[in-house]
């Protein structure tokens, strides 16, 4: 089974831990200001199907069902269910996504 890439691959572990000693990923360590758009992003209008199944949208765009959380974070969407149909987002090229992950995976 292949693990899908997500924002968790870009997070450092938090300096605080649970009572059992477990450390958790710290979302504040993901630096989206380092994302570089070398290619023009795709302007895309979301429909209800995209909101219900963002993995299907990512598969159509990238050929893999990953990157959705980074695409939504780049569009200032923290929770997909807060979005309504007709919302326009910008989807980076696969090359730009791959480069960002290769330079920023912890």
PDB file of N, CA and C in Angstrom:
ATOM      1  N   UNK A   1       0.843  -1.179   0.000  1.00  0.00           N
ATOM      2  CA  UNK A   1       0.000   0.000   0.000  1.00  0.00           C
ATOM      3  C   UNK A   1       0.891   1.246   0.000  1.00  0.00           C
ATOM      4  N   UNK A   2       0.579   2.192  -0.849  1.00  0.00           N
ATOM      5  CA  UNK A   2       1.338   3.432  -0.949  1.00  0.00           C
ATOM      6  C   UNK A   2       0.691   4.477  -0.059  1.00  0.00           C
ATOM      7  N   UNK A   3       1.503   5.135   0.754  1.00  0.00           N
ATOM      8  CA  UNK A   3       0.992   6.202   1.611  1.00  0.00           C
ATOM      9  C   UNK A   3       0.797   7.466   0.783  1.00  0.00           C
ATOM     10  N   UNK A   4      -0.327   8.115   0.957  1.00  0.00           N
ATOM     11  CA  UNK A   4      -0.608   9.353   0.246  1.00  0.00           C
ATOM     12  C   UNK A   4       0.044  10.526   0.957  1.00  0.00           C
ATOM     13  N   UNK A   5       0.516  11.462   0.183  1.00  0.00           N
ATOM     14  CA  UNK A   5       1.111  12.653   0.772  1.00  0.00           C
ATOM     15  C   UNK A   5       0.021  13.629   1.199  1.00  0.00           C
ATOM     16  N   UNK A   6       0.282  14.308   2.310  1.00  0.00           N
ATOM     17  CA  UNK A   6      -0.670  15.280   2.827  1.00  0.00           C
ATOM     18  C   UNK A   6       0.102  16.341   3.607  1.00  0.00           C
ATOM     19  N   UNK A   7      -0.629  17.264   4.198  1.00  0.00           N
ATOM     20  CA  UNK A   7      -0.001  18.327   4.982  1.00  0.00           C
ATOM     21  C   UNK A   7       0.806  17.768   6.146  1.00  0.00           C
ATOM     22  N   UNK A   8       0.466  16.567   6.606  1.00  0.00           N
ATOM     23  CA  UNK A   8       1.194  15.988   7.737  1.00  0.00           C
ATOM     24  C   UNK A   8       2.639  15.672   7.384  1.00  0.00           C
ATOM     25  N   UNK A   9       2.916  15.459   6.105  1.00  0.00           N
ATOM     26  CA  UNK A   9       4.299  15.233   5.663  1.00  0.00           C
ATOM     27  C   UNK A   9       5.135  16.504   5.779  1.00  0.00           C
ATOM     28  N   UNK A  10       4.482  17.633   5.911  1.00  0.00           N
ATOM     29  CA  UNK A  10       5.162  18.924   5.942  1.00  0.00           C
ATOM     30  C   UNK A  10       5.262  19.498   7.350  1.00  0.00           C
ATOM     31  N   UNK A  11       4.692  18.811   8.351  1.00  0.00           N
ATOM     32  CA  UNK A  11       4.659  19.320   9.719  1.00  0.00           C
ATOM     33  C   UNK A  11       5.782  18.732  10.568  1.00  0.00           C
ATOM     34  N   UNK A  12       6.392  19.600  11.345  1.00  0.00           N
ATOM     35  CA  UNK A  12       7.329  19.125  12.364  1.00  0.00           C
ATOM     36  C   UNK A  12       6.513  18.683  13.574  1.00  0.00           C
ATOM     37  N   UNK A  13       7.130  17.874  14.435  1.00  0.00           N
ATOM     38  CA  UNK A  13       6.428  17.457  15.642  1.00  0.00           C
ATOM     39  C   UNK A  13       6.360  18.605  16.638  1.00  0.00           C
ATOM     40  N   UNK A  14       5.262  18.668  17.348  1.00  0.00           N
ATOM     41  CA  UNK A  14       5.073  19.682  18.373  1.00  0.00           C
ATOM     42  C   UNK A  14       6.071  19.478  19.506  1.00  0.00           C
ATOM     43  N   UNK A  15       6.376  20.545  20.198  1.00  0.00           N
ATOM     44  CA  UNK A  15       7.278  20.435  21.351  1.00  0.00           C
ATOM     45  C   UNK A  15       6.530  19.957  22.600  1.00  0.00           C
ATOM     46  N   UNK A  16       5.206  19.979  22.559  1.00  0.00           N
ATOM     47  CA  UNK A  16       4.429  19.464  23.684  1.00  0.00           C
ATOM     48  C   UNK A  16       3.940  18.064  23.351  1.00  0.00           C
ATOM     49  N   UNK A  17       3.612  17.298  24.360  1.00  0.00           N
ATOM     50  CA  UNK A  17       3.202  15.923  24.125  1.00  0.00           C
ATOM     51  C   UNK A  17       2.029  15.537  25.014  1.00  0.00           C
ATOM     52  N   UNK A  18       1.407  14.442  24.637  1.00  0.00           N
ATOM     53  CA  UNK A  18       0.293  13.895  25.400  1.00  0.00           C
ATOM     54  C   UNK A  18       0.829  13.226  26.663  1.00  0.00           C
ATOM     55  N   UNK A  19      -0.052  12.955  27.635  1.00  0.00           N
ATOM     56  CA  UNK A  19       0.397  12.309  28.872  1.00  0.00           C
ATOM     57  C   UNK A  19       1.151  10.987  28.654  1.00  0.00           C
ATOM     58  N   UNK A  20       0.848  10.297  27.553  1.00  0.00           N
ATOM     59  CA  UNK A  20       1.547   9.032  27.299  1.00  0.00           C
ATOM     60  C   UNK A  20       2.895   9.230  26.605  1.00  0.00           C
ATOM     61  N   UNK A  21       3.277  10.507  26.380  1.00  0.00           N
ATOM     62  CA  UNK A  21       4.562  10.799  25.759  1.00  0.00           C
ATOM     63  C   UNK A  21       4.519  10.953  24.251  1.00  0.00           C
ATOM     64  N   UNK A  22       3.343  10.779  23.660  1.00  0.00           N
ATOM     65  CA  UNK A  22       3.184  10.903  22.212  1.00  0.00           C
ATOM     66  C   UNK A  22       3.288  12.362  21.785  1.00  0.00           C
ATOM     67  N   UNK A  23       4.074  12.611  20.750  1.00  0.00           N
ATOM     68  CA  UNK A  23       4.164  13.941  20.154  1.00  0.00           C
ATOM     69  C   UNK A  23       3.262  13.987  18.926  1.00  0.00           C
ATOM     70  N   UNK A  24       2.674  15.139  18.680  1.00  0.00           N
ATOM     71  CA  UNK A  24       1.764  15.289  17.561  1.00  0.00           C
ATOM     72  C   UNK A  24       2.329  16.265  16.546  1.00  0.00           C
ATOM     73  N   UNK A  25       1.930  16.126  15.264  1.00  0.00           N
ATOM     74  CA  UNK A  25       2.354  17.098  14.257  1.00  0.00           C
ATOM     75  C   UNK A  25       1.810  18.490  14.600  1.00  0.00           C
ATOM     76  N   UNK A  26       2.603  19.506  14.337  1.00  0.00           N
ATOM     77  CA  UNK A  26       2.225  20.882  14.632  1.00  0.00           C
ATOM     78  C   UNK A  26       1.857  21.592  13.330  1.00  0.00           C
ATOM     79  N   UNK A  27       0.563  21.870  13.095  1.00  0.00           N
ATOM     80  CA  UNK A  27       0.158  22.496  11.833  1.00  0.00           C
ATOM     81  C   UNK A  27       0.745  23.887  11.625  1.00  0.00           C
ATOM     82  N   UNK A  28       1.174  24.537  12.692  1.00  0.00           N
ATOM     83  CA  UNK A  28       1.745  25.871  12.550  1.00  0.00           C
ATOM     84  C   UNK A  28       3.152  25.836  11.961  1.00  0.00           C
ATOM     85  N   UNK A  29       3.721  24.645  11.797  1.00  0.00           N
ATOM     86  CA  UNK A  29       5.059  24.544  11.223  1.00  0.00           C
ATOM     87  C   UNK A  29       5.045  24.418   9.698  1.00  0.00           C
ATOM     88  N   UNK A  30       3.862  24.324   9.094  1.00  0.00           N
ATOM     89  CA  UNK A  30       3.763  24.284   7.630  1.00  0.00           C
ATOM     90  C   UNK A  30       3.848  25.720   7.129  1.00  0.00           C
ATOM     91  N   UNK A  31       4.846  25.991   6.309  1.00  0.00           N
ATOM     92  CA  UNK A  31       5.066  27.350   5.821  1.00  0.00           C
ATOM     93  C   UNK A  31       4.586  27.473   4.375  1.00  0.00           C
ATOM     94  N   UNK A  32       3.337  27.892   4.214  1.00  0.00           N
ATOM     95  CA  UNK A  32       2.773  28.044   2.875  1.00  0.00           C
ATOM     96  C   UNK A  32       3.363  29.229   2.126  1.00  0.00           C
ATOM     97  N   UNK A  33       4.062  30.115   2.816  1.00  0.00           N
ATOM     98  CA  UNK A  33       4.705  31.227   2.113  1.00  0.00           C
ATOM     99  C   UNK A  33       5.858  30.743   1.242  1.00  0.00           C
ATOM    100  N   UNK A  34       6.307  29.509   1.469  1.00  0.00           N
ATOM    101  CA  UNK A  34       7.372  28.936   0.641  1.00  0.00           C
ATOM    102  C   UNK A  34       6.840  28.318  -0.650  1.00  0.00           C
ATOM    103  N   UNK A  35       5.519  28.269  -0.781  1.00  0.00           N
ATOM    104  CA  UNK A  35       4.955  27.697  -2.006  1.00  0.00           C
ATOM    105  C   UNK A  35       5.192  28.656  -3.157  1.00  0.00           C
ATOM    106  N   UNK A  36       5.765  28.138  -4.236  1.00  0.00           N
ATOM    107  CA  UNK A  36       6.070  28.954  -5.419  1.00  0.00           C
ATOM    108  C   UNK A  36       5.215  28.475  -6.585  1.00  0.00           C
ATOM    109  N   UNK A  37       4.498  29.413  -7.190  1.00  0.00           N
ATOM    110  CA  UNK A  37       3.723  29.128  -8.396  1.00  0.00           C
ATOM    111  C   UNK A  37       4.603  29.434  -9.598  1.00  0.00           C
ATOM    112  N   UNK A  38       5.258  28.413 -10.139  1.00  0.00           N
ATOM    113  CA  UNK A  38       6.038  28.588 -11.364  1.00  0.00           C
ATOM    114  C   UNK A  38       5.133  28.546 -12.584  1.00  0.00           C
ATOM    115  N   UNK A  39       4.082  27.749 -12.503  1.00  0.00           N
ATOM    116  CA  UNK A  39       3.097  27.633 -13.578  1.00  0.00           C
ATOM    117  C   UNK A  39       1.828  28.355 -13.145  1.00  0.00           C
ATOM    118  N   UNK A  40       1.054  28.790 -14.116  1.00  0.00           N
ATOM    119  CA  UNK A  40      -0.230  29.409 -13.791  1.00  0.00           C
ATOM    120  C   UNK A  40      -1.146  28.358 -13.176  1.00  0.00           C
ATOM    121  N   UNK A  41      -1.752  28.667 -12.018  1.00  0.00           N
ATOM    122  CA  UNK A  41      -2.680  27.704 -11.423  1.00  0.00           C
ATOM    123  C   UNK A  41      -3.973  27.625 -12.235  1.00  0.00           C
ATOM    124  N   UNK A  42      -4.637  26.496 -12.117  1.00  0.00           N
ATOM    125  CA  UNK A  42      -5.928  26.283 -12.745  1.00  0.00           C
ATOM    126  C   UNK A  42      -6.995  26.982 -11.912  1.00  0.00           C
ATOM    127  N   UNK A  43      -7.769  27.848 -12.536  1.00  0.00           N
ATOM    128  CA  UNK A  43      -8.908  28.460 -11.847  1.00  0.00           C
ATOM    129  C   UNK A  43     -10.078  27.496 -11.977  1.00  0.00           C
ATOM    130  N   UNK A  44     -10.649  27.085 -10.835  1.00  0.00           N
ATOM    131  CA  UNK A  44     -11.652  26.034 -10.845  1.00  0.00           C
ATOM    132  C   UNK A  44     -12.821  26.423  -9.940  1.00  0.00           C
ATOM    133  N   UNK A  45     -14.033  26.215 -10.432  1.00  0.00           N
ATOM    134  CA  UNK A  45     -15.241  26.481  -9.652  1.00  0.00           C
ATOM    135  C   UNK A  45     -15.741  25.166  -9.058  1.00  0.00           C
ATOM    136  N   UNK A  46     -15.804  25.126  -7.734  1.00  0.00           N
ATOM    137  CA  UNK A  46     -16.222  23.908  -7.037  1.00  0.00           C
ATOM    138  C   UNK A  46     -17.716  23.659  -7.190  1.00  0.00           C
ATOM    139  N   UNK A  47     -18.053  22.385  -7.339  1.00  0.00           N
ATOM    140  CA  UNK A  47     -19.459  21.981  -7.300  1.00  0.00           C
ATOM    141  C   UNK A  47     -19.663  21.099  -6.064  1.00  0.00           C
ATOM    142  N   UNK A  48     -20.885  20.699  -5.807  1.00  0.00           N
ATOM    143  CA  UNK A  48     -21.159  19.915  -4.599  1.00  0.00           C
ATOM    144  C   UNK A  48     -20.406  18.588  -4.607  1.00  0.00           C
ATOM    145  N   UNK A  49     -20.259  17.979  -5.766  1.00  0.00           N
ATOM    146  CA  UNK A  49     -19.505  16.728  -5.856  1.00  0.00           C
ATOM    147  C   UNK A  49     -18.060  16.895  -5.425  1.00  0.00           C
ATOM    148  N   UNK A  50     -17.436  18.026  -5.786  1.00  0.00           N
ATOM    149  CA  UNK A  50     -16.060  18.307  -5.375  1.00  0.00           C
ATOM    150  C   UNK A  50     -15.959  18.489  -3.868  1.00  0.00           C
ATOM    151  N   UNK A  51     -16.973  19.090  -3.285  1.00  0.00           N
ATOM    152  CA  UNK A  51     -16.991  19.322  -1.838  1.00  0.00           C
ATOM    153  C   UNK A  51     -17.199  17.995  -1.098  1.00  0.00           C
ATOM    154  N   UNK A  52     -18.077  17.159  -1.640  1.00  0.00           N
ATOM    155  CA  UNK A  52     -18.334  15.857  -1.020  1.00  0.00           C
ATOM    156  C   UNK A  52     -17.163  14.896  -1.191  1.00  0.00           C
ATOM    157  N   UNK A  53     -16.474  14.962  -2.326  1.00  0.00           N
ATOM    158  CA  UNK A  53     -15.399  14.014  -2.637  1.00  0.00           C
ATOM    159  C   UNK A  53     -14.192  14.755  -3.237  1.00  0.00           C
ATOM    160  N   UNK A  54     -13.479  15.518  -2.420  1.00  0.00           N
ATOM    161  CA  UNK A  54     -12.307  16.231  -2.950  1.00  0.00           C
ATOM    162  C   UNK A  54     -11.237  15.285  -3.487  1.00  0.00           C
ATOM    163  N   UNK A  55     -11.208  14.049  -3.002  1.00  0.00           N
ATOM    164  CA  UNK A  55     -10.235  13.079  -3.511  1.00  0.00           C
ATOM    165  C   UNK A  55     -10.464  12.787  -4.993  1.00  0.00           C
ATOM    166  N   UNK A  56     -11.727  12.774  -5.427  1.00  0.00           N
ATOM    167  CA  UNK A  56     -12.042  12.541  -6.835  1.00  0.00           C
ATOM    168  C   UNK A  56     -11.561  13.726  -7.675  1.00  0.00           C
ATOM    169  N   UNK A  57     -11.758  14.941  -7.188  1.00  0.00           N
ATOM    170  CA  UNK A  57     -11.262  16.126  -7.893  1.00  0.00           C
ATOM    171  C   UNK A  57      -9.743  16.067  -8.038  1.00  0.00           C
ATOM    172  N   UNK A  58      -9.050  15.722  -6.960  1.00  0.00           N
ATOM    173  CA  UNK A  58      -7.584  15.657  -7.022  1.00  0.00           C
ATOM    174  C   UNK A  58      -7.119  14.578  -7.998  1.00  0.00           C
ATOM    175  N   UNK A  59      -7.843  13.461  -8.048  1.00  0.00           N
ATOM    176  CA  UNK A  59      -7.495  12.401  -8.990  1.00  0.00           C
ATOM    177  C   UNK A  59      -7.675  12.883 -10.425  1.00  0.00           C
ATOM    178  N   UNK A  60      -8.733  13.642 -10.680  1.00  0.00           N
ATOM    179  CA  UNK A  60      -8.950  14.191 -12.025  1.00  0.00           C
ATOM    180  C   UNK A  60      -7.841  15.169 -12.413  1.00  0.00           C
ATOM    181  N   UNK A  61      -7.434  16.009 -11.472  1.00  0.00           N
ATOM    182  CA  UNK A  61      -6.432  17.044 -11.761  1.00  0.00           C
ATOM    183  C   UNK A  61      -5.020  16.482 -11.763  1.00  0.00           C
ATOM    184  N   UNK A  62      -4.670  15.707 -10.728  1.00  0.00           N
ATOM    185  CA  UNK A  62      -3.287  15.264 -10.535  1.00  0.00           C
ATOM    186  C   UNK A  62      -3.032  13.801 -10.877  1.00  0.00           C
ATOM    187  N   UNK A  63      -4.083  13.029 -11.044  1.00  0.00           N
ATOM    188  CA  UNK A  63      -3.902  11.613 -11.305  1.00  0.00           C
ATOM    189  C   UNK A  63      -3.738  10.790 -10.039  1.00  0.00           C
ATOM    190  N   UNK A  64      -3.757  11.440  -8.885  1.00  0.00           N
ATOM    191  CA  UNK A  64      -3.662  10.781  -7.572  1.00  0.00           C
ATOM    192  C   UNK A  64      -4.605  11.502  -6.610  1.00  0.00           C
ATOM    193  N   UNK A  65      -5.144  10.782  -5.620  1.00  0.00           N
ATOM    194  CA  UNK A  65      -6.102  11.396  -4.705  1.00  0.00           C
ATOM    195  C   UNK A  65      -5.428  12.079  -3.510  1.00  0.00           C
ATOM    196  N   UNK A  66      -4.360  12.807  -3.763  1.00  0.00           N
ATOM    197  CA  UNK A  66      -3.668  13.493  -2.681  1.00  0.00           C
ATOM    198  C   UNK A  66      -3.573  14.985  -2.997  1.00  0.00           C
ATOM    199  N   UNK A  67      -2.983  15.725  -2.100  1.00  0.00           N
ATOM    200  CA  UNK A  67      -2.774  17.170  -2.234  1.00  0.00           C
ATOM    201  C   UNK A  67      -3.984  18.011  -1.865  1.00  0.00           C
ATOM    202  N   UNK A  68      -5.165  17.413  -1.651  1.00  0.00           N
ATOM    203  CA  UNK A  68      -6.355  18.229  -1.424  1.00  0.00           C
ATOM    204  C   UNK A  68      -6.189  19.188  -0.256  1.00  0.00           C
ATOM    205  N   UNK A  69      -5.594  18.726   0.829  1.00  0.00           N
ATOM    206  CA  UNK A  69      -5.476  19.615   1.979  1.00  0.00           C
ATOM    207  C   UNK A  69      -4.561  20.804   1.681  1.00  0.00           C
ATOM    208  N   UNK A  70      -3.499  20.594   0.929  1.00  0.00           N
ATOM    209  CA  UNK A  70      -2.605  21.707   0.591  1.00  0.00           C
ATOM    210  C   UNK A  70      -3.298  22.663  -0.385  1.00  0.00           C
ATOM    211  N   UNK A  71      -4.003  22.125  -1.380  1.00  0.00           N
ATOM    212  CA  UNK A  71      -4.739  22.976  -2.318  1.00  0.00           C
ATOM    213  C   UNK A  71      -5.735  23.848  -1.555  1.00  0.00           C
ATOM    214  N   UNK A  72      -6.459  23.249  -0.622  1.00  0.00           N
ATOM    215  CA  UNK A  72      -7.452  24.026   0.124  1.00  0.00           C
ATOM    216  C   UNK A  72      -6.784  25.025   1.063  1.00  0.00           C
ATOM    217  N   UNK A  73      -5.694  24.634   1.705  1.00  0.00           N
ATOM    218  CA  UNK A  73      -4.969  25.589   2.565  1.00  0.00           C
ATOM    219  C   UNK A  73      -4.472  26.780   1.757  1.00  0.00           C
ATOM    220  N   UNK A  74      -3.953  26.522   0.555  1.00  0.00           N
ATOM    221  CA  UNK A  74      -3.473  27.619  -0.297  1.00  0.00           C
ATOM    222  C   UNK A  74      -4.608  28.566  -0.686  1.00  0.00           C
ATOM    223  N   UNK A  75      -5.813  28.055  -0.663  1.00  0.00           N
ATOM    224  CA  UNK A  75      -6.997  28.868  -0.986  1.00  0.00           C
ATOM    225  C   UNK A  75      -7.713  29.366   0.262  1.00  0.00           C
ATOM    226  N   UNK A  76      -7.024  29.333   1.406  1.00  0.00           N
ATOM    227  CA  UNK A  76      -7.585  29.783   2.689  1.00  0.00           C
ATOM    228  C   UNK A  76      -8.865  29.049   3.079  1.00  0.00           C
ATOM    229  N   UNK A  77      -8.910  27.758   2.755  1.00  0.00           N
ATOM    230  CA  UNK A  77     -10.036  26.913   3.141  1.00  0.00           C
ATOM    231  C   UNK A  77      -9.507  25.928   4.172  1.00  0.00           C
ATOM    232  N   UNK A  78      -9.940  26.082   5.409  1.00  0.00           N
ATOM    233  CA  UNK A  78      -9.439  25.183   6.447  1.00  0.00           C
ATOM    234  C   UNK A  78     -10.312  23.938   6.594  1.00  0.00           C
ATOM    235  N   UNK A  79     -11.565  24.012   6.174  1.00  0.00           N
ATOM    236  CA  UNK A  79     -12.482  22.879   6.309  1.00  0.00           C
ATOM    237  C   UNK A  79     -13.397  22.872   5.095  1.00  0.00           C
ATOM    238  N   UNK A  80     -13.328  21.827   4.292  1.00  0.00           N
ATOM    239  CA  UNK A  80     -14.040  21.787   3.013  1.00  0.00           C
ATOM    240  C   UNK A  80     -15.545  21.919   3.165  1.00  0.00           C
ATOM    241  N   UNK A  81     -16.115  21.455   4.260  1.00  0.00           N
ATOM    242  CA  UNK A  81     -17.564  21.557   4.433  1.00  0.00           C
ATOM    243  C   UNK A  81     -18.040  22.979   4.717  1.00  0.00           C
ATOM    244  N   UNK A  82     -17.098  23.910   4.921  1.00  0.00           N
ATOM    245  CA  UNK A  82     -17.462  25.316   5.088  1.00  0.00           C
ATOM    246  C   UNK A  82     -17.590  26.039   3.743  1.00  0.00           C
ATOM    247  N   UNK A  83     -17.298  25.321   2.664  1.00  0.00           N
ATOM    248  CA  UNK A  83     -17.315  25.899   1.319  1.00  0.00           C
ATOM    249  C   UNK A  83     -18.649  25.581   0.656  1.00  0.00           C
ATOM    250  N   UNK A  84     -19.124  26.496  -0.169  1.00  0.00           N
ATOM    251  CA  UNK A  84     -20.371  26.244  -0.884  1.00  0.00           C
ATOM    252  C   UNK A  84     -20.084  26.097  -2.379  1.00  0.00           C
ATOM    253  N   UNK A  85     -20.966  25.378  -3.086  1.00  0.00           N
ATOM    254  CA  UNK A  85     -20.806  25.263  -4.534  1.00  0.00           C
ATOM    255  C   UNK A  85     -20.727  26.652  -5.174  1.00  0.00           C
ATOM    256  N   UNK A  86     -19.885  26.776  -6.181  1.00  0.00           N
ATOM    257  CA  UNK A  86     -19.678  28.056  -6.848  1.00  0.00           C
ATOM    258  C   UNK A  86     -18.429  28.780  -6.368  1.00  0.00           C
ATOM    259  N   UNK A  87     -17.799  28.288  -5.284  1.00  0.00           N
ATOM    260  CA  UNK A  87     -16.559  28.878  -4.785  1.00  0.00           C
ATOM    261  C   UNK A  87     -15.443  28.627  -5.803  1.00  0.00           C
ATOM    262  N   UNK A  88     -14.716  29.667  -6.140  1.00  0.00           N
ATOM    263  CA  UNK A  88     -13.602  29.550  -7.083  1.00  0.00           C
ATOM    264  C   UNK A  88     -12.320  29.332  -6.297  1.00  0.00           C
ATOM    265  N   UNK A  89     -11.558  28.306  -6.698  1.00  0.00           N
ATOM    266  CA  UNK A  89     -10.256  28.044  -6.093  1.00  0.00           C
ATOM    267  C   UNK A  89      -9.196  28.029  -7.191  1.00  0.00           C
ATOM    268  N   UNK A  90      -7.962  28.106  -6.780  1.00  0.00           N
ATOM    269  CA  UNK A  90      -6.833  28.032  -7.702  1.00  0.00           C
ATOM    270  C   UNK A  90      -6.047  26.773  -7.367  1.00  0.00           C
ATOM    271  N   UNK A  91      -5.864  25.924  -8.376  1.00  0.00           N
ATOM    272  CA  UNK A  91      -5.203  24.639  -8.194  1.00  0.00           C
ATOM    273  C   UNK A  91      -3.819  24.702  -8.839  1.00  0.00           C
ATOM    274  N   UNK A  92      -2.754  24.565  -8.030  1.00  0.00           N
ATOM    275  CA  UNK A  92      -1.399  24.603  -8.578  1.00  0.00           C
ATOM    276  C   UNK A  92      -1.127  23.429  -9.516  1.00  0.00           C
ATOM    277  N   UNK A  93      -0.150  23.604 -10.380  1.00  0.00           N
ATOM    278  CA  UNK A  93       0.248  22.511 -11.270  1.00  0.00           C
ATOM    279  C   UNK A  93       0.841  21.367 -10.458  1.00  0.00           C
ATOM    280  N   UNK A  94       0.831  20.187 -11.042  1.00  0.00           N
ATOM    281  CA  UNK A  94       1.418  19.024 -10.364  1.00  0.00           C
ATOM    282  C   UNK A  94       2.916  19.248 -10.151  1.00  0.00           C
ATOM    283  N   UNK A  95       3.583  19.868 -11.117  1.00  0.00           N
ATOM    284  CA  UNK A  95       5.020  20.136 -10.971  1.00  0.00           C
ATOM    285  C   UNK A  95       5.287  21.054  -9.783  1.00  0.00           C
ATOM    286  N   UNK A  96       4.455  22.075  -9.594  1.00  0.00           N
ATOM    287  CA  UNK A  96       4.628  22.978  -8.450  1.00  0.00           C
ATOM    288  C   UNK A  96       4.360  22.257  -7.130  1.00  0.00           C
ATOM    289  N   UNK A  97       3.360  21.366  -7.114  1.00  0.00           N
ATOM    290  CA  UNK A  97       3.074  20.600  -5.898  1.00  0.00           C
ATOM    291  C   UNK A  97       4.232  19.667  -5.575  1.00  0.00           C
ATOM    292  N   UNK A  98       4.732  18.964  -6.579  1.00  0.00           N
ATOM    293  CA  UNK A  98       5.841  18.028  -6.371  1.00  0.00           C
ATOM    294  C   UNK A  98       7.078  18.760  -5.846  1.00  0.00           C
ATOM    295  N   UNK A  99       7.357  19.913  -6.413  1.00  0.00           N
ATOM    296  CA  UNK A  99       8.528  20.674  -5.977  1.00  0.00           C
ATOM    297  C   UNK A  99       8.367  21.127  -4.528  1.00  0.00           C
ATOM    298  N   UNK A 100       7.192  21.620  -4.181  1.00  0.00           N
ATOM    299  CA  UNK A 100       6.943  22.069  -2.808  1.00  0.00           C
ATOM    300  C   UNK A 100       7.145  20.925  -1.821  1.00  0.00           C
ATOM    301  N   UNK A 101       6.582  19.750  -2.145  1.00  0.00           N
ATOM    302  CA  UNK A 101       6.753  18.602  -1.252  1.00  0.00           C
ATOM    303  C   UNK A 101       8.210  18.164  -1.172  1.00  0.00           C
ATOM    304  N   UNK A 102       8.911  18.158  -2.292  1.00  0.00           N
ATOM    305  CA  UNK A 102      10.304  17.694  -2.267  1.00  0.00           C
ATOM    306  C   UNK A 102      11.183  18.634  -1.456  1.00  0.00           C
ATOM    307  N   UNK A 103      10.869  19.916  -1.428  1.00  0.00           N
ATOM    308  CA  UNK A 103      11.687  20.881  -0.691  1.00  0.00           C
ATOM    309  C   UNK A 103      11.287  21.047   0.777  1.00  0.00           C
ATOM    310  N   UNK A 104      10.070  20.616   1.137  1.00  0.00           N
ATOM    311  CA  UNK A 104       9.560  20.922   2.465  1.00  0.00           C
ATOM    312  C   UNK A 104       9.123  19.729   3.302  1.00  0.00           C
ATOM    313  N   UNK A 105       9.236  18.516   2.799  1.00  0.00           N
ATOM    314  CA  UNK A 105       8.860  17.346   3.605  1.00  0.00           C
ATOM    315  C   UNK A 105       9.834  17.195   4.746  1.00  0.00           C
ATOM    316  N   UNK A 106       9.291  17.006   5.959  1.00  0.00           N
ATOM    317  CA  UNK A 106      10.155  16.860   7.146  1.00  0.00           C
ATOM    318  C   UNK A 106      10.431  15.399   7.433  1.00  0.00           C
TER     319      UNK A 106
END
